[in-house]
Amino acid sequence: MTVASSPPDSRVPLSAPVITARKGGKPPLVMVTAYDFPSASVADAAGVDMILVGDTLAMVVLGHEDTLHVTIDDMAHHVAAAARAKPRALLIGDLPWLSYHVSDEETVHNAAKLVRAGAAAVKLEGGRKRLGAIEAILDAEIPVMGHVGLTPQSIHAVGGFKVQGKQLDAARTIVDDAVALAETGCFAIVLECVPDAVARMVTESVPVPTIGIGAGRHCDGQVLVYHDLLGLEDRKLPKFVRRYVDLRASATEAVEQFVADVRSGTFPSSDETYHMTDQMGEAFDLYADAPTVAVPPAR
């Protein structure tokens, strides 16, 4: 497998305006999800441009069936953990379901909670119906990433995890929504599970970068879930996921070997044990062999 070289790494953190300026540029932008200090550290060391602390943590970290089970407090907790890695990549916090659906005041409060936890931008799902929420967040000087196509927080409304925009009217809606997001001020837009022709139309219609996941190669960048690309789960993966390594199998094999070594008595070995010096060992043996003197009870 050929690994593409990463651009030179300057430790100056990337910002939302820098990401926007990469529209149409080469190489394409790269975003990976991460949910804690170790995964953010790995992603940043690999040279990604953006780290998304996504609400997918509900599924890949917490074991839920969908993304609807995480709260803003859950997200802030994980954003803070990822932020401790001090990544050069732009750190984006995902606004979870019901955190930007009630009122502008609550929306801004929740976005600010992620920024205070360490995010430099937030992401939210939806098209034109979310413009009010986006405007309120932008008015608080917080950069916003949009997200159209398949929006997992709407799975009950759309009937599950399905490709969106396959029909002409639906495709037009996605394009119109993306244009509206860009005009409102989103610095980038995620396109999830849409035909490549739709993604190409969106990419050519908006002045900000499009980040595809299951949207083909015509986007300005790509994103994958950390656990998917590293093979940390055994679930059936969508067709758009490329698994680069099977860490789950390797990790299971390693733990199985540890179990076997403990049960066979080969762990810990002498080299993995702290020892006294010979002089101290002899003194300790003498102490252990000394007769025990009975101590009379206190009166």
C-alpha atoms as a PDB file:
ATOM      1  CA  MET A   1       0.000   0.000   0.000  1.00  0.00           C
ATOM      2  CA  THR A   2       1.396   3.407  -0.951  1.00  0.00           C
ATOM      3  CA  VAL A   3       1.167   6.022   1.774  1.00  0.00           C
ATOM      4  CA  ALA A   4       0.881   9.615   0.591  1.00  0.00           C
ATOM      5  CA  SER A   5       3.316  12.026   2.159  1.00  0.00           C
ATOM      6  CA  SER A   6       1.885  14.600   4.547  1.00  0.00           C
ATOM      7  CA  PRO A   7       2.463  18.316   4.114  1.00  0.00           C
ATOM      8  CA  PRO A   8       5.184  19.842   6.342  1.00  0.00           C
ATOM      9  CA  ASP A   9       4.055  20.039   9.957  1.00  0.00           C
ATOM     10  CA  SER A  10       4.150  23.468  11.494  1.00  0.00           C
ATOM     11  CA  ARG A  11       3.050  23.416  15.095  1.00  0.00           C
ATOM     12  CA  VAL A  12       0.903  26.524  14.624  1.00  0.00           C
ATOM     13  CA  PRO A  13      -2.656  25.237  15.221  1.00  0.00           C
ATOM     14  CA  LEU A  14      -4.946  25.284  12.200  1.00  0.00           C
ATOM     15  CA  SER A  15      -7.951  27.587  12.293  1.00  0.00           C
ATOM     16  CA  ALA A  16     -11.339  27.624  10.589  1.00  0.00           C
ATOM     17  CA  PRO A  17     -10.266  30.414   8.169  1.00  0.00           C
ATOM     18  CA  VAL A  18      -7.209  28.366   7.180  1.00  0.00           C
ATOM     19  CA  ILE A  19      -9.457  25.386   6.435  1.00  0.00           C
ATOM     20  CA  THR A  20     -11.802  27.547   4.346  1.00  0.00           C
ATOM     21  CA  ALA A  21      -8.850  28.881   2.365  1.00  0.00           C
ATOM     22  CA  ARG A  22      -8.013  25.306   1.347  1.00  0.00           C
ATOM     23  CA  LYS A  23     -11.138  25.166  -0.856  1.00  0.00           C
ATOM     24  CA  GLY A  24     -10.287  23.447  -4.109  1.00  0.00           C
ATOM     25  CA  GLY A  25      -6.646  23.117  -3.129  1.00  0.00           C
ATOM     26  CA  LYS A  26      -4.251  20.205  -3.159  1.00  0.00           C
ATOM     27  CA  PRO A  27      -3.732  18.000  -1.296  1.00  0.00           C
ATOM     28  CA  PRO A  28      -7.333  17.386  -0.186  1.00  0.00           C
ATOM     29  CA  LEU A  29      -8.256  18.068   3.424  1.00  0.00           C
ATOM     30  CA  VAL A  30      -8.256  15.153   5.862  1.00  0.00           C
ATOM     31  CA  MET A  31     -10.471  14.839   8.931  1.00  0.00           C
ATOM     32  CA  VAL A  32     -10.637  11.952  11.402  1.00  0.00           C
ATOM     33  CA  THR A  33     -12.890  11.493  14.408  1.00  0.00           C
ATOM     34  CA  ALA A  34     -11.307  11.087  17.821  1.00  0.00           C
ATOM     35  CA  TYR A  35     -12.826  10.882  21.262  1.00  0.00           C
ATOM     36  CA  ASP A  36     -10.042  11.079  23.855  1.00  0.00           C
ATOM     37  CA  PHE A  37      -6.416  11.972  24.504  1.00  0.00           C
ATOM     38  CA  PRO A  38      -4.842   8.851  22.914  1.00  0.00           C
ATOM     39  CA  SER A  39      -6.922   8.903  19.719  1.00  0.00           C
ATOM     40  CA  ALA A  40      -6.493  12.660  19.253  1.00  0.00           C
ATOM     41  CA  SER A  41      -2.744  12.255  19.793  1.00  0.00           C
ATOM     42  CA  VAL A  42      -2.551   9.516  17.155  1.00  0.00           C
ATOM     43  CA  ALA A  43      -4.645  11.445  14.630  1.00  0.00           C
ATOM     44  CA  ASP A  44      -2.608  14.606  15.088  1.00  0.00           C
ATOM     45  CA  ALA A  45       0.714  12.767  14.850  1.00  0.00           C
ATOM     46  CA  ALA A  46      -0.506  11.270  11.562  1.00  0.00           C
ATOM     47  CA  GLY A  47      -0.911  14.767  10.141  1.00  0.00           C
ATOM     48  CA  VAL A  48      -4.682  15.177   9.767  1.00  0.00           C
ATOM     49  CA  ASP A  49      -6.028  18.684   9.222  1.00  0.00           C
ATOM     50  CA  MET A  50      -9.108  18.386  11.422  1.00  0.00           C
ATOM     51  CA  ILE A  51     -10.115  16.250  14.378  1.00  0.00           C
ATOM     52  CA  LEU A  52     -13.848  15.860  14.930  1.00  0.00           C
ATOM     53  CA  VAL A  53     -14.968  14.824  18.385  1.00  0.00           C
ATOM     54  CA  GLY A  54     -18.086  13.320  16.876  1.00  0.00           C
ATOM     55  CA  ASP A  55     -21.341  12.226  18.429  1.00  0.00           C
ATOM     56  CA  THR A  56     -20.491   8.838  16.893  1.00  0.00           C
ATOM     57  CA  LEU A  57     -18.851   8.246  20.261  1.00  0.00           C
ATOM     58  CA  ALA A  58     -22.340   7.093  21.295  1.00  0.00           C
ATOM     59  CA  MET A  59     -21.873   4.080  19.030  1.00  0.00           C
ATOM     60  CA  VAL A  60     -18.152   3.331  18.826  1.00  0.00           C
ATOM     61  CA  VAL A  61     -17.202   4.266  22.400  1.00  0.00           C
ATOM     62  CA  LEU A  62     -20.366   3.897  24.485  1.00  0.00           C
ATOM     63  CA  GLY A  63     -21.982   0.986  22.612  1.00  0.00           C
ATOM     64  CA  HIS A  64     -25.332   2.526  21.659  1.00  0.00           C
ATOM     65  CA  GLU A  65     -27.156   1.681  18.434  1.00  0.00           C
ATOM     66  CA  ASP A  66     -27.273   5.279  17.202  1.00  0.00           C
ATOM     67  CA  THR A  67     -25.975   8.757  17.986  1.00  0.00           C
ATOM     68  CA  LEU A  68     -29.043   9.980  19.875  1.00  0.00           C
ATOM     69  CA  HIS A  69     -27.894   8.863  23.312  1.00  0.00           C
ATOM     70  CA  VAL A  70     -25.125  11.384  24.035  1.00  0.00           C
ATOM     71  CA  THR A  71     -25.666  14.689  25.815  1.00  0.00           C
ATOM     72  CA  ILE A  72     -23.824  17.975  25.606  1.00  0.00           C
ATOM     73  CA  ASP A  73     -22.097  17.080  28.871  1.00  0.00           C
ATOM     74  CA  ASP A  74     -20.875  13.810  27.338  1.00  0.00           C
ATOM     75  CA  MET A  75     -19.541  15.720  24.353  1.00  0.00           C
ATOM     76  CA  ALA A  76     -17.826  18.346  26.489  1.00  0.00           C
ATOM     77  CA  HIS A  77     -16.139  15.602  28.521  1.00  0.00           C
ATOM     78  CA  HIS A  78     -14.696  13.991  25.395  1.00  0.00           C
ATOM     79  CA  VAL A  79     -13.772  17.294  23.757  1.00  0.00           C
ATOM     80  CA  ALA A  80     -11.775  18.178  26.867  1.00  0.00           C
ATOM     81  CA  ALA A  81      -9.967  14.827  26.751  1.00  0.00           C
ATOM     82  CA  ALA A  82      -9.067  15.282  23.071  1.00  0.00           C
ATOM     83  CA  ALA A  83      -8.003  18.889  23.639  1.00  0.00           C
ATOM     84  CA  ARG A  84      -5.399  17.761  26.187  1.00  0.00           C
ATOM     85  CA  ALA A  85      -3.457  16.300  23.255  1.00  0.00           C
ATOM     86  CA  LYS A  86      -2.900  19.926  22.149  1.00  0.00           C
ATOM     87  CA  PRO A  87      -3.360  19.024  18.479  1.00  0.00           C
ATOM     88  CA  ARG A  88      -2.165  21.162  15.623  1.00  0.00           C
ATOM     89  CA  ALA A  89      -5.277  19.985  13.759  1.00  0.00           C
ATOM     90  CA  LEU A  90      -8.427  22.042  14.076  1.00  0.00           C
ATOM     91  CA  LEU A  91     -10.426  20.488  16.909  1.00  0.00           C
ATOM     92  CA  ILE A  92     -14.172  20.460  16.201  1.00  0.00           C
ATOM     93  CA  GLY A  93     -16.841  19.512  18.724  1.00  0.00           C
ATOM     94  CA  ASP A  94     -20.059  17.879  17.507  1.00  0.00           C
ATOM     95  CA  LEU A  95     -23.281  19.359  18.861  1.00  0.00           C
ATOM     96  CA  PRO A  96     -25.456  16.369  19.801  1.00  0.00           C
ATOM     97  CA  TRP A  97     -29.136  15.845  19.233  1.00  0.00           C
ATOM     98  CA  LEU A  98     -31.404  18.297  21.092  1.00  0.00           C
ATOM     99  CA  SER A  99     -28.533  20.660  21.913  1.00  0.00           C
ATOM    100  CA  TYR A 100     -29.412  23.157  19.145  1.00  0.00           C
ATOM    101  CA  HIS A 101     -33.092  22.408  18.500  1.00  0.00           C
ATOM    102  CA  VAL A 102     -34.897  24.282  21.295  1.00  0.00           C
ATOM    103  CA  SER A 103     -33.830  27.921  21.436  1.00  0.00           C
ATOM    104  CA  ASP A 104     -31.030  30.161  20.190  1.00  0.00           C
ATOM    105  CA  GLU A 105     -30.002  30.926  23.763  1.00  0.00           C
ATOM    106  CA  GLU A 106     -29.621  27.258  24.627  1.00  0.00           C
ATOM    107  CA  THR A 107     -27.872  26.600  21.316  1.00  0.00           C
ATOM    108  CA  VAL A 108     -25.226  29.255  21.989  1.00  0.00           C
ATOM    109  CA  HIS A 109     -24.804  28.062  25.573  1.00  0.00           C
ATOM    110  CA  ASN A 110     -24.174  24.507  24.379  1.00  0.00           C
ATOM    111  CA  ALA A 111     -21.768  25.574  21.654  1.00  0.00           C
ATOM    112  CA  ALA A 112     -19.872  27.659  24.197  1.00  0.00           C
ATOM    113  CA  LYS A 113     -19.649  24.639  26.483  1.00  0.00           C
ATOM    114  CA  LEU A 114     -17.733  22.753  23.781  1.00  0.00           C
ATOM    115  CA  VAL A 115     -15.462  25.727  23.118  1.00  0.00           C
ATOM    116  CA  ARG A 116     -14.705  26.092  26.806  1.00  0.00           C
ATOM    117  CA  ALA A 117     -13.843  22.389  26.834  1.00  0.00           C
ATOM    118  CA  GLY A 118     -11.247  22.988  24.117  1.00  0.00           C
ATOM    119  CA  ALA A 119     -12.962  22.949  20.716  1.00  0.00           C
ATOM    120  CA  ALA A 120     -12.036  25.639  18.193  1.00  0.00           C
ATOM    121  CA  ALA A 121     -15.254  25.115  16.200  1.00  0.00           C
ATOM    122  CA  VAL A 122     -18.524  23.175  16.368  1.00  0.00           C
ATOM    123  CA  LYS A 123     -20.476  21.060  13.905  1.00  0.00           C
ATOM    124  CA  LEU A 124     -24.213  20.607  13.607  1.00  0.00           C
ATOM    125  CA  GLU A 125     -26.504  18.691  11.288  1.00  0.00           C
ATOM    126  CA  GLY A 126     -29.238  19.925   8.960  1.00  0.00           C
ATOM    127  CA  GLY A 127     -29.932  22.352   6.166  1.00  0.00           C
ATOM    128  CA  ARG A 128     -32.001  25.498   5.921  1.00  0.00           C
ATOM    129  CA  LYS A 129     -34.070  24.734   8.994  1.00  0.00           C
ATOM    130  CA  ARG A 130     -30.881  25.148  11.082  1.00  0.00           C
ATOM    131  CA  LEU A 131     -29.883  28.556   9.753  1.00  0.00           C
ATOM    132  CA  GLY A 132     -31.180  30.362  12.844  1.00  0.00           C
ATOM    133  CA  ALA A 133     -29.084  28.186  15.124  1.00  0.00           C
ATOM    134  CA  ILE A 134     -26.020  28.680  12.923  1.00  0.00           C
ATOM    135  CA  GLU A 135     -26.460  32.452  12.872  1.00  0.00           C
ATOM    136  CA  ALA A 136     -26.773  32.535  16.661  1.00  0.00           C
ATOM    137  CA  ILE A 137     -23.564  30.523  17.114  1.00  0.00           C
ATOM    138  CA  LEU A 138     -21.678  32.615  14.571  1.00  0.00           C
ATOM    139  CA  ASP A 139     -22.875  35.750  16.342  1.00  0.00           C
ATOM    140  CA  ALA A 140     -21.089  34.399  19.427  1.00  0.00           C
ATOM    141  CA  GLU A 141     -17.872  34.265  17.328  1.00  0.00           C
ATOM    142  CA  ILE A 142     -17.793  30.462  17.170  1.00  0.00           C
ATOM    143  CA  PRO A 143     -16.981  28.874  13.770  1.00  0.00           C
ATOM    144  CA  VAL A 144     -19.566  26.367  12.523  1.00  0.00           C
ATOM    145  CA  MET A 145     -19.167  23.343  10.258  1.00  0.00           C
ATOM    146  CA  GLY A 146     -22.362  22.260   8.481  1.00  0.00           C
ATOM    147  CA  HIS A 147     -23.517  18.716   7.724  1.00  0.00           C
ATOM    148  CA  VAL A 148     -26.020  17.658   5.044  1.00  0.00           C
ATOM    149  CA  GLY A 149     -26.993  14.488   3.233  1.00  0.00           C
ATOM    150  CA  LEU A 150     -27.466  11.681   5.695  1.00  0.00           C
ATOM    151  CA  THR A 151     -27.833  13.293   9.107  1.00  0.00           C
ATOM    152  CA  PRO A 152     -27.649  10.494  11.705  1.00  0.00           C
ATOM    153  CA  GLN A 153     -29.489  12.537  14.319  1.00  0.00           C
ATOM    154  CA  SER A 154     -32.513  12.380  11.974  1.00  0.00           C
ATOM    155  CA  ILE A 155     -32.541   8.614  11.386  1.00  0.00           C
ATOM    156  CA  HIS A 156     -36.064   8.190  12.730  1.00  0.00           C
ATOM    157  CA  ALA A 157     -37.332  10.894  10.381  1.00  0.00           C
ATOM    158  CA  VAL A 158     -35.518   9.593   7.283  1.00  0.00           C
ATOM    159  CA  GLY A 159     -36.063   5.902   8.007  1.00  0.00           C
ATOM    160  CA  GLY A 160     -32.583   4.739   8.972  1.00  0.00           C
ATOM    161  CA  PHE A 161     -29.027   4.935   7.715  1.00  0.00           C
ATOM    162  CA  LYS A 162     -29.733   5.331   3.999  1.00  0.00           C
ATOM    163  CA  VAL A 163     -28.094   7.061   1.054  1.00  0.00           C
ATOM    164  CA  GLN A 164     -29.705  10.481   0.533  1.00  0.00           C
ATOM    165  CA  GLY A 165     -30.252  12.489  -2.655  1.00  0.00           C
ATOM    166  CA  LYS A 166     -30.821   9.589  -5.035  1.00  0.00           C
ATOM    167  CA  GLN A 167     -33.869  11.277  -6.575  1.00  0.00           C
ATOM    168  CA  LEU A 168     -33.722  14.594  -8.403  1.00  0.00           C
ATOM    169  CA  ASP A 169     -35.826  16.589  -5.939  1.00  0.00           C
ATOM    170  CA  ALA A 170     -33.876  15.222  -2.972  1.00  0.00           C
ATOM    171  CA  ALA A 171     -30.595  16.019  -4.700  1.00  0.00           C
ATOM    172  CA  ARG A 172     -31.715  19.594  -5.355  1.00  0.00           C
ATOM    173  CA  THR A 173     -32.680  19.971  -1.699  1.00  0.00           C
ATOM    174  CA  ILE A 174     -29.211  18.889  -0.584  1.00  0.00           C
ATOM    175  CA  VAL A 175     -27.549  21.344  -2.965  1.00  0.00           C
ATOM    176  CA  ASP A 176     -29.844  24.182  -1.897  1.00  0.00           C
ATOM    177  CA  ASP A 177     -29.259  23.376   1.766  1.00  0.00           C
ATOM    178  CA  ALA A 178     -25.486  23.366   1.298  1.00  0.00           C
ATOM    179  CA  VAL A 179     -25.560  26.689  -0.533  1.00  0.00           C
ATOM    180  CA  ALA A 180     -27.645  28.190   2.271  1.00  0.00           C
ATOM    181  CA  LEU A 181     -25.203  26.893   4.908  1.00  0.00           C
ATOM    182  CA  ALA A 182     -22.257  28.410   3.077  1.00  0.00           C
ATOM    183  CA  GLU A 183     -24.025  31.729   2.556  1.00  0.00           C
ATOM    184  CA  THR A 184     -24.890  31.868   6.239  1.00  0.00           C
ATOM    185  CA  GLY A 185     -21.225  31.484   7.167  1.00  0.00           C
ATOM    186  CA  CYS A 186     -20.313  27.815   7.709  1.00  0.00           C
ATOM    187  CA  PHE A 187     -16.556  27.433   7.167  1.00  0.00           C
ATOM    188  CA  ALA A 188     -16.922  23.881   5.749  1.00  0.00           C
ATOM    189  CA  ILE A 189     -19.667  21.334   5.087  1.00  0.00           C
ATOM    190  CA  VAL A 190     -19.752  17.583   5.669  1.00  0.00           C
ATOM    191  CA  LEU A 191     -21.519  15.587   2.943  1.00  0.00           C
ATOM    192  CA  GLU A 192     -22.557  12.158   4.188  1.00  0.00           C
ATOM    193  CA  CYS A 193     -23.875   9.230   2.135  1.00  0.00           C
ATOM    194  CA  VAL A 194     -24.844  10.982  -1.081  1.00  0.00           C
ATOM    195  CA  PRO A 195     -24.204   9.961  -4.710  1.00  0.00           C
ATOM    196  CA  ASP A 196     -20.913  11.263  -6.078  1.00  0.00           C
ATOM    197  CA  ALA A 197     -22.716  13.387  -8.686  1.00  0.00           C
ATOM    198  CA  VAL A 198     -24.600  15.189  -5.911  1.00  0.00           C
ATOM    199  CA  ALA A 199     -21.396  15.705  -3.947  1.00  0.00           C
ATOM    200  CA  ARG A 200     -19.721  17.107  -7.053  1.00  0.00           C
ATOM    201  CA  MET A 201     -22.604  19.508  -7.639  1.00  0.00           C
ATOM    202  CA  VAL A 202     -22.468  20.702  -4.039  1.00  0.00           C
ATOM    203  CA  THR A 203     -18.683  21.069  -4.140  1.00  0.00           C
ATOM    204  CA  GLU A 204     -18.888  23.179  -7.288  1.00  0.00           C
ATOM    205  CA  SER A 205     -21.744  25.282  -5.880  1.00  0.00           C
ATOM    206  CA  VAL A 206     -20.279  26.397  -2.551  1.00  0.00           C
ATOM    207  CA  PRO A 207     -17.204  28.543  -1.811  1.00  0.00           C
ATOM    208  CA  VAL A 208     -16.237  26.521   1.258  1.00  0.00           C
ATOM    209  CA  PRO A 209     -14.651  23.058   1.484  1.00  0.00           C
ATOM    210  CA  THR A 210     -16.839  19.970   1.356  1.00  0.00           C
ATOM    211  CA  ILE A 211     -15.738  17.023   3.473  1.00  0.00           C
ATOM    212  CA  GLY A 212     -17.092  13.725   2.223  1.00  0.00           C
ATOM    213  CA  ILE A 213     -17.953  10.524   4.020  1.00  0.00           C
ATOM    214  CA  GLY A 214     -19.572   8.119   1.612  1.00  0.00           C
ATOM    215  CA  ALA A 215     -19.788  10.951  -0.935  1.00  0.00           C
ATOM    216  CA  GLY A 216     -17.144   9.987  -3.490  1.00  0.00           C
ATOM    217  CA  ARG A 217     -13.903  11.601  -4.552  1.00  0.00           C
ATOM    218  CA  HIS A 218     -15.150  14.968  -5.794  1.00  0.00           C
ATOM    219  CA  CYS A 219     -15.202  16.586  -2.348  1.00  0.00           C
ATOM    220  CA  ASP A 220     -12.499  18.931  -1.075  1.00  0.00           C
ATOM    221  CA  GLY A 221     -11.628  16.477   1.688  1.00  0.00           C
ATOM    222  CA  GLN A 222     -12.533  13.190   3.356  1.00  0.00           C
ATOM    223  CA  VAL A 223     -13.393  12.023   6.858  1.00  0.00           C
ATOM    224  CA  LEU A 224     -13.573   8.586   8.444  1.00  0.00           C
ATOM    225  CA  VAL A 225     -14.378   7.338  11.926  1.00  0.00           C
ATOM    226  CA  TYR A 226     -11.230   6.467  13.879  1.00  0.00           C
ATOM    227  CA  HIS A 227     -12.546   3.084  15.034  1.00  0.00           C
ATOM    228  CA  ASP A 228     -13.604   2.136  11.504  1.00  0.00           C
ATOM    229  CA  LEU A 229     -10.352   2.854   9.709  1.00  0.00           C
ATOM    230  CA  LEU A 230      -8.320   1.122  12.450  1.00  0.00           C
ATOM    231  CA  GLY A 231     -10.566  -1.931  12.663  1.00  0.00           C
ATOM    232  CA  LEU A 232     -11.330  -1.531  16.356  1.00  0.00           C
ATOM    233  CA  GLU A 233     -14.851  -2.930  15.941  1.00  0.00           C
ATOM    234  CA  ASP A 234     -16.260  -6.112  14.477  1.00  0.00           C
ATOM    235  CA  ARG A 235     -19.492  -4.541  13.207  1.00  0.00           C
ATOM    236  CA  LYS A 236     -20.456  -4.615   9.549  1.00  0.00           C
ATOM    237  CA  LEU A 237     -19.020  -1.505   7.953  1.00  0.00           C
ATOM    238  CA  PRO A 238     -20.602   0.729   5.301  1.00  0.00           C
ATOM    239  CA  LYS A 239     -19.196   0.283   1.788  1.00  0.00           C
ATOM    240  CA  PHE A 240     -17.428   3.659   1.914  1.00  0.00           C
ATOM    241  CA  VAL A 241     -15.153   2.664   4.797  1.00  0.00           C
ATOM    242  CA  ARG A 242     -11.618   1.525   4.036  1.00  0.00           C
ATOM    243  CA  ARG A 243     -10.145  -0.464   6.922  1.00  0.00           C
ATOM    244  CA  TYR A 244      -6.399   0.102   7.075  1.00  0.00           C
ATOM    245  CA  VAL A 245      -5.573  -2.345   9.872  1.00  0.00           C
ATOM    246  CA  ASP A 246      -7.373  -4.858  12.098  1.00  0.00           C
ATOM    247  CA  LEU A 247      -6.416  -3.623  15.556  1.00  0.00           C
ATOM    248  CA  ARG A 248      -9.264  -5.477  17.237  1.00  0.00           C
ATOM    249  CA  ALA A 249      -7.817  -8.826  16.172  1.00  0.00           C
ATOM    250  CA  SER A 250      -4.299  -7.787  17.190  1.00  0.00           C
ATOM    251  CA  ALA A 251      -5.487  -6.488  20.548  1.00  0.00           C
ATOM    252  CA  THR A 252      -7.516  -9.627  21.247  1.00  0.00           C
ATOM    253  CA  GLU A 253      -4.515 -11.803  20.392  1.00  0.00           C
ATOM    254  CA  ALA A 254      -2.285  -9.778  22.718  1.00  0.00           C
ATOM    255  CA  VAL A 255      -4.703 -10.033  25.650  1.00  0.00           C
ATOM    256  CA  GLU A 256      -5.154 -13.769  25.016  1.00  0.00           C
ATOM    257  CA  GLN A 257      -1.366 -14.176  25.252  1.00  0.00           C
ATOM    258  CA  PHE A 258      -1.333 -12.235  28.528  1.00  0.00           C
ATOM    259  CA  VAL A 259      -4.069 -14.502  29.914  1.00  0.00           C
ATOM    260  CA  ALA A 260      -2.078 -17.580  28.878  1.00  0.00           C
ATOM    261  CA  ASP A 261       1.177 -16.262  30.366  1.00  0.00           C
ATOM    262  CA  VAL A 262      -0.418 -15.467  33.741  1.00  0.00           C
ATOM    263  CA  ARG A 263      -2.161 -18.826  33.962  1.00  0.00           C
ATOM    264  CA  SER A 264       0.983 -20.728  32.974  1.00  0.00           C
ATOM    265  CA  GLY A 265       3.125 -18.861  35.507  1.00  0.00           C
ATOM    266  CA  THR A 266       5.433 -17.305  32.903  1.00  0.00           C
ATOM    267  CA  PHE A 267       4.300 -13.759  33.730  1.00  0.00           C
ATOM    268  CA  PRO A 268       5.841 -11.943  35.443  1.00  0.00           C
ATOM    269  CA  SER A 269       9.350 -13.168  34.683  1.00  0.00           C
ATOM    270  CA  SER A 270      12.413 -12.398  36.759  1.00  0.00           C
ATOM    271  CA  ASP A 271      13.243  -9.491  34.436  1.00  0.00           C
ATOM    272  CA  GLU A 272       9.760  -8.058  35.060  1.00  0.00           C
ATOM    273  CA  THR A 273      10.118  -8.219  38.861  1.00  0.00           C
ATOM    274  CA  TYR A 274      11.757  -5.835  41.343  1.00  0.00           C
ATOM    275  CA  HIS A 275      14.505  -7.516  43.420  1.00  0.00           C
ATOM    276  CA  MET A 276      16.413  -6.661  46.596  1.00  0.00           C
ATOM    277  CA  THR A 277      20.193  -6.421  46.515  1.00  0.00           C
ATOM    278  CA  ASP A 278      21.986  -9.583  47.684  1.00  0.00           C
ATOM    279  CA  GLN A 279      22.948  -7.859  50.961  1.00  0.00           C
ATOM    280  CA  MET A 280      19.406  -6.718  51.617  1.00  0.00           C
ATOM    281  CA  GLY A 281      18.067 -10.128  50.654  1.00  0.00           C
ATOM    282  CA  GLU A 282      20.304 -11.860  53.211  1.00  0.00           C
ATOM    283  CA  ALA A 283      19.305  -9.386  55.919  1.00  0.00           C
ATOM    284  CA  PHE A 284      15.637  -9.876  55.081  1.00  0.00           C
ATOM    285  CA  ASP A 285      16.047 -13.687  55.269  1.00  0.00           C
ATOM    286  CA  LEU A 286      17.637 -13.374  58.709  1.00  0.00           C
ATOM    287  CA  TYR A 287      14.776 -11.139  59.840  1.00  0.00           C
ATOM    288  CA  ALA A 288      12.211 -13.588  58.500  1.00  0.00           C
ATOM    289  CA  ASP A 289      13.906 -16.531  60.251  1.00  0.00           C
ATOM    290  CA  ALA A 290      14.181 -14.750  63.643  1.00  0.00           C
ATOM    291  CA  PRO A 291      11.901 -16.185  66.391  1.00  0.00           C
ATOM    292  CA  THR A 292       8.766 -14.283  67.093  1.00  0.00           C
ATOM    293  CA  VAL A 293       8.680 -12.642  70.537  1.00  0.00           C
ATOM    294  CA  ALA A 294       5.291 -12.601  72.212  1.00  0.00           C
ATOM    295  CA  VAL A 295       4.199  -9.125  73.275  1.00  0.00           C
ATOM    296  CA  PRO A 296       2.124  -9.030  76.480  1.00  0.00           C
ATOM    297  CA  PRO A 297      -1.251  -7.354  76.124  1.00  0.00           C
ATOM    298  CA  ALA A 298      -1.491  -3.738  77.241  1.00  0.00           C
ATOM    299  CA  ARG A 299      -3.152  -3.104  80.565  1.00  0.00           C
END
